[in-house]
C-alpha atoms as a PDB file:
ATOM      1  CA  MET A   1      27.131 209.947-121.955  1.00  0.00           C
ATOM      2  CA  SER A   2      27.343 206.496-120.545  1.00  0.00           C
ATOM      3  CA  ASP A   3      24.647 205.386-118.028  1.00  0.00           C
ATOM      4  CA  ASN A   4      28.097 204.363-115.896  1.00  0.00           C
ATOM      5  CA  MET A   5      28.836 207.924-114.512  1.00  0.00           C
ATOM      6  CA  ASN A   6      27.907 209.586-111.455  1.00  0.00           C
ATOM      7  CA  ASP A   7      26.428 212.805-111.209  1.00  0.00           C
ATOM      8  CA  GLY A   8      30.357 214.549-110.413  1.00  0.00           C
ATOM      9  CA  GLN A   9      31.618 212.711-113.558  1.00  0.00           C
ATOM     10  CA  LYS A  10      29.096 214.063-115.752  1.00  0.00           C
ATOM     11  CA  LYS A  11      29.141 217.610-114.594  1.00  0.00           C
ATOM     12  CA  ALA A  12      32.924 217.561-115.391  1.00  0.00           C
ATOM     13  CA  PHE A  13      32.551 216.084-118.403  1.00  0.00           C
ATOM     14  CA  GLU A  14      30.022 218.816-119.130  1.00  0.00           C
ATOM     15  CA  ASP A  15      32.047 221.890-118.070  1.00  0.00           C
ATOM     16  CA  ALA A  16      35.134 220.279-120.087  1.00  0.00           C
ATOM     17  CA  VAL A  17      33.041 219.976-123.185  1.00  0.00           C
ATOM     18  CA  ASN A  18      31.561 223.829-122.718  1.00  0.00           C
ATOM     19  CA  GLU A  19      35.098 224.811-122.353  1.00  0.00           C
ATOM     20  CA  LYS A  20      36.437 222.719-125.534  1.00  0.00           C
ATOM     21  CA  VAL A  21      33.746 224.721-127.101  1.00  0.00           C
ATOM     22  CA  GLU A  22      34.055 228.273-125.857  1.00  0.00           C
ATOM     23  CA  ILE A  23      38.041 228.111-126.994  1.00  0.00           C
ATOM     24  CA  ILE A  24      36.876 226.591-130.549  1.00  0.00           C
ATOM     25  CA  ARG A  25      34.700 229.843-130.424  1.00  0.00           C
ATOM     26  CA  GLY A  26      37.102 232.476-129.620  1.00  0.00           C
ATOM     27  CA  GLU A  27      39.866 230.845-132.171  1.00  0.00           C
ATOM     28  CA  LEU A  28      36.741 231.081-134.928  1.00  0.00           C
ATOM     29  CA  ARG A  29      35.922 234.853-133.872  1.00  0.00           C
ATOM     30  CA  GLU A  30      39.544 235.915-133.615  1.00  0.00           C
ATOM     31  CA  GLU A  31      40.064 234.576-137.339  1.00  0.00           C
ATOM     32  CA  MET A  32      37.353 235.566-138.565  1.00  0.00           C
ATOM     33  CA  ASN A  33      37.714 239.545-137.328  1.00  0.00           C
ATOM     34  CA  SER A  34      41.404 238.728-139.288  1.00  0.00           C
ATOM     35  CA  LYS A  35      39.765 237.700-142.350  1.00  0.00           C
ATOM     36  CA  LEU A  36      37.142 240.750-142.393  1.00  0.00           C
ATOM     37  CA  ALA A  37      40.155 243.438-141.134  1.00  0.00           C
ATOM     38  CA  ASP A  38      42.016 242.107-144.812  1.00  0.00           C
ATOM     39  CA  PHE A  39      38.866 241.903-146.755  1.00  0.00           C
ATOM     40  CA  LYS A  40      38.037 245.701-145.578  1.00  0.00           C
ATOM     41  CA  GLU A  41      41.152 247.107-146.602  1.00  0.00           C
ATOM     42  CA  GLU A  42      41.325 245.169-149.702  1.00  0.00           C
ATOM     43  CA  LEU A  43      38.080 246.540-150.390  1.00  0.00           C
ATOM     44  CA  ILE A  44      38.869 250.394-149.342  1.00  0.00           C
ATOM     45  CA  ALA A  45      42.296 249.705-151.589  1.00  0.00           C
ATOM     46  CA  GLN A  46      40.261 248.906-154.633  1.00  0.00           C
ATOM     47  CA  PHE A  47      37.902 252.001-154.078  1.00  0.00           C
ATOM     48  CA  GLU A  48      40.774 254.431-153.546  1.00  0.00           C
ATOM     49  CA  ALA A  49      42.272 252.639-157.217  1.00  0.00           C
ATOM     50  CA  ARG A  50      38.737 253.176-158.474  1.00  0.00           C
ATOM     51  CA  MET A  51      38.326 256.363-157.647  1.00  0.00           C
ATOM     52  CA  ARG A  52      41.706 257.423-158.833  1.00  0.00           C
ATOM     53  CA  ALA A  53      40.814 255.913-162.015  1.00  0.00           C
ATOM     54  CA  SER A  54      37.393 257.575-162.017  1.00  0.00           C
ATOM     55  CA  THR A  55      39.120 261.050-161.473  1.00  0.00           C
ATOM     56  CA  CYS A  56      41.674 260.485-164.474  1.00  0.00           C
ATOM     57  CA  ASP A  57      38.652 259.561-166.605  1.00  0.00           C
ATOM     58  CA  LEU A  58      36.797 262.187-165.466  1.00  0.00           C
ATOM     59  CA  ALA A  59      39.447 264.725-166.028  1.00  0.00           C
ATOM     60  CA  SER A  60      40.071 263.230-169.567  1.00  0.00           C
ATOM     61  CA  LEU A  61      36.540 263.723-170.508  1.00  0.00           C
ATOM     62  CA  GLN A  62      36.847 267.596-169.343  1.00  0.00           C
ATOM     63  CA  ARG A  63      39.816 268.317-171.715  1.00  0.00           C
ATOM     64  CA  ARG A  64      38.249 266.293-174.583  1.00  0.00           C
ATOM     65  CA  GLU A  65      35.066 268.540-174.403  1.00  0.00           C
ATOM     66  CA  MET A  66      37.147 271.604-173.714  1.00  0.00           C
ATOM     67  CA  ASN A  67      39.301 270.789-176.824  1.00  0.00           C
ATOM     68  CA  ALA A  68      36.642 270.165-179.002  1.00  0.00           C
ATOM     69  CA  ALA A  69      35.032 273.433-177.854  1.00  0.00           C
ATOM     70  CA  LYS A  70      38.281 275.019-178.801  1.00  0.00           C
ATOM     71  CA  GLN A  71      38.600 273.334-181.935  1.00  0.00           C
ATOM     72  CA  SER A  72      34.802 274.185-182.746  1.00  0.00           C
ATOM     73  CA  GLN A  73      35.917 277.772-182.142  1.00  0.00           C
ATOM     74  CA  ILE A  74      39.104 278.027-184.054  1.00  0.00           C
ATOM     75  CA  SER A  75      36.994 276.325-186.968  1.00  0.00           C
ATOM     76  CA  ASP A  76      34.442 279.287-186.969  1.00  0.00           C
ATOM     77  CA  SER A  77      37.042 281.735-186.268  1.00  0.00           C
ATOM     78  CA  LEU A  78      38.847 281.002-189.905  1.00  0.00           C
ATOM     79  CA  GLU A  79      35.921 280.367-191.453  1.00  0.00           C
ATOM     80  CA  VAL A  80      34.663 283.878-190.653  1.00  0.00           C
ATOM     81  CA  GLY A  81      37.934 285.079-190.804  1.00  0.00           C
ATOM     82  CA  ASP A  82      38.135 283.359-194.700  1.00  0.00           C
ATOM     83  CA  ARG A  83      34.638 284.803-195.281  1.00  0.00           C
ATOM     84  CA  MET A  84      35.809 288.853-194.178  1.00  0.00           C
ATOM     85  CA  ASN A  85      39.125 287.956-196.525  1.00  0.00           C
ATOM     86  CA  ARG A  86      37.131 287.253-199.615  1.00  0.00           C
ATOM     87  CA  GLU A  87      34.257 290.106-198.831  1.00  0.00           C
ATOM     88  CA  VAL A  88      37.218 292.435-198.207  1.00  0.00           C
ATOM     89  CA  GLY A  89      39.787 290.772-200.555  1.00  0.00           C
ATOM     90  CA  THR A  90      36.855 291.563-203.623  1.00  0.00           C
ATOM     91  CA  ASN A  91      36.167 295.639-202.397  1.00  0.00           C
ATOM     92  CA  ASP A  92      39.979 295.731-201.811  1.00  0.00           C
ATOM     93  CA  ALA A  93      40.804 294.820-205.313  1.00  0.00           C
ATOM     94  CA  GLU A  94      38.041 297.557-206.912  1.00  0.00           C
ATOM     95  CA  MET A  95      39.554 300.087-204.824  1.00  0.00           C
ATOM     96  CA  TYR A  96      42.905 299.055-204.996  1.00  0.00           C
ATOM     97  CA  LYS A  97      42.732 299.294-208.615  1.00  0.00           C
ATOM     98  CA  GLU A  98      41.324 302.638-208.706  1.00  0.00           C
ATOM     99  CA  VAL A  99      44.204 304.087-206.203  1.00  0.00           C
ATOM    100  CA  GLY A 100      46.730 301.354-208.012  1.00  0.00           C
ATOM    101  CA  THR A 101      48.141 300.124-204.262  1.00  0.00           C
ATOM    102  CA  ASN A 102      49.190 296.320-203.961  1.00  0.00           C
ATOM    103  CA  ASP A 103      47.458 294.821-201.313  1.00  0.00           C
ATOM    104  CA  ALA A 104      49.615 291.338-201.183  1.00  0.00           C
ATOM    105  CA  GLU A 105      52.125 292.384-198.309  1.00  0.00           C
ATOM    106  CA  ILE A 106      49.137 294.076-196.042  1.00  0.00           C
ATOM    107  CA  ASN A 107      47.197 290.600-196.873  1.00  0.00           C
ATOM    108  CA  LYS A 108      50.123 288.530-195.793  1.00  0.00           C
ATOM    109  CA  CYS A 109      50.441 290.463-192.768  1.00  0.00           C
ATOM    110  CA  GLU A 110      47.258 289.944-191.359  1.00  0.00           C
ATOM    111  CA  MET A 111      47.480 286.421-192.194  1.00  0.00           C
ATOM    112  CA  ASN A 112      51.195 286.267-190.430  1.00  0.00           C
ATOM    113  CA  LYS A 113      48.793 287.526-187.094  1.00  0.00           C
ATOM    114  CA  LYS A 114      46.305 284.998-188.038  1.00  0.00           C
ATOM    115  CA  VAL A 115      48.161 282.370-187.977  1.00  0.00           C
ATOM    116  CA  SER A 116      50.296 283.367-185.182  1.00  0.00           C
ATOM    117  CA  SER A 117      47.639 283.760-182.809  1.00  0.00           C
ATOM    118  CA  ILE A 118      46.137 280.465-183.767  1.00  0.00           C
ATOM    119  CA  ALA A 119      49.376 278.310-183.183  1.00  0.00           C
ATOM    120  CA  ASP A 120      50.202 279.877-179.425  1.00  0.00           C
ATOM    121  CA  ILE A 121      46.355 278.565-178.792  1.00  0.00           C
ATOM    122  CA  LEU A 122      47.518 275.297-180.239  1.00  0.00           C
ATOM    123  CA  GLU A 123      50.555 275.512-178.137  1.00  0.00           C
ATOM    124  CA  ASN A 124      48.901 276.999-174.389  1.00  0.00           C
ATOM    125  CA  HIS A 125      46.515 273.627-175.551  1.00  0.00           C
ATOM    126  CA  HIS A 126      48.985 271.492-175.732  1.00  0.00           C
ATOM    127  CA  THR A 127      51.162 272.704-172.355  1.00  0.00           C
ATOM    128  CA  LYS A 128      48.031 271.766-170.398  1.00  0.00           C
ATOM    129  CA  LYS A 129      47.556 268.752-171.912  1.00  0.00           C
ATOM    130  CA  LYS A 130      50.714 267.905-170.865  1.00  0.00           C
ATOM    131  CA  ARG A 131      50.266 269.310-167.103  1.00  0.00           C
ATOM    132  CA  SER A 132      46.969 267.050-166.846  1.00  0.00           C
ATOM    133  CA  ARG A 133      48.690 264.208-168.117  1.00  0.00           C
ATOM    134  CA  THR A 134      51.599 264.342-165.089  1.00  0.00           C
ATOM    135  CA  THR A 135      48.531 265.290-163.006  1.00  0.00           C
ATOM    136  CA  CYS A 136      46.892 261.487-163.487  1.00  0.00           C
ATOM    137  CA  LYS A 137      50.276 259.724-163.192  1.00  0.00           C
ATOM    138  CA  ARG A 138      50.671 261.519-159.965  1.00  0.00           C
ATOM    139  CA  LEU A 139      47.118 260.430-159.025  1.00  0.00           C
ATOM    140  CA  ALA A 140      47.571 257.021-159.919  1.00  0.00           C
END
């Protein structure tokens, strides 16, 4: 400020400067609040998208684990069934030689029952898989 100004002029000049500073501070505060609100909304949207994705990933992982367990059970069942068929078949062959009965029809019926139950398991698994994909699509 100039020394040529009197105290009244100096006071008026300081007041004008302070008023202008407050106006600028208010504008900056509004702009920052607006940007913070936008940033907050963007973060919430990203968080929600990640949660949906991780939920689908978790469901997919659980399905894979269940499928692996079911596949293992089916494998074990088939293995046990095959072993039983071999053991029973050997004993039956000797027995049927003596009795004179043909076991082919009986074995065919038993195998058809096993194949039918395995097909049912696989069909149920496929149906559940379709449902879970639909659920993930709805979540996304």
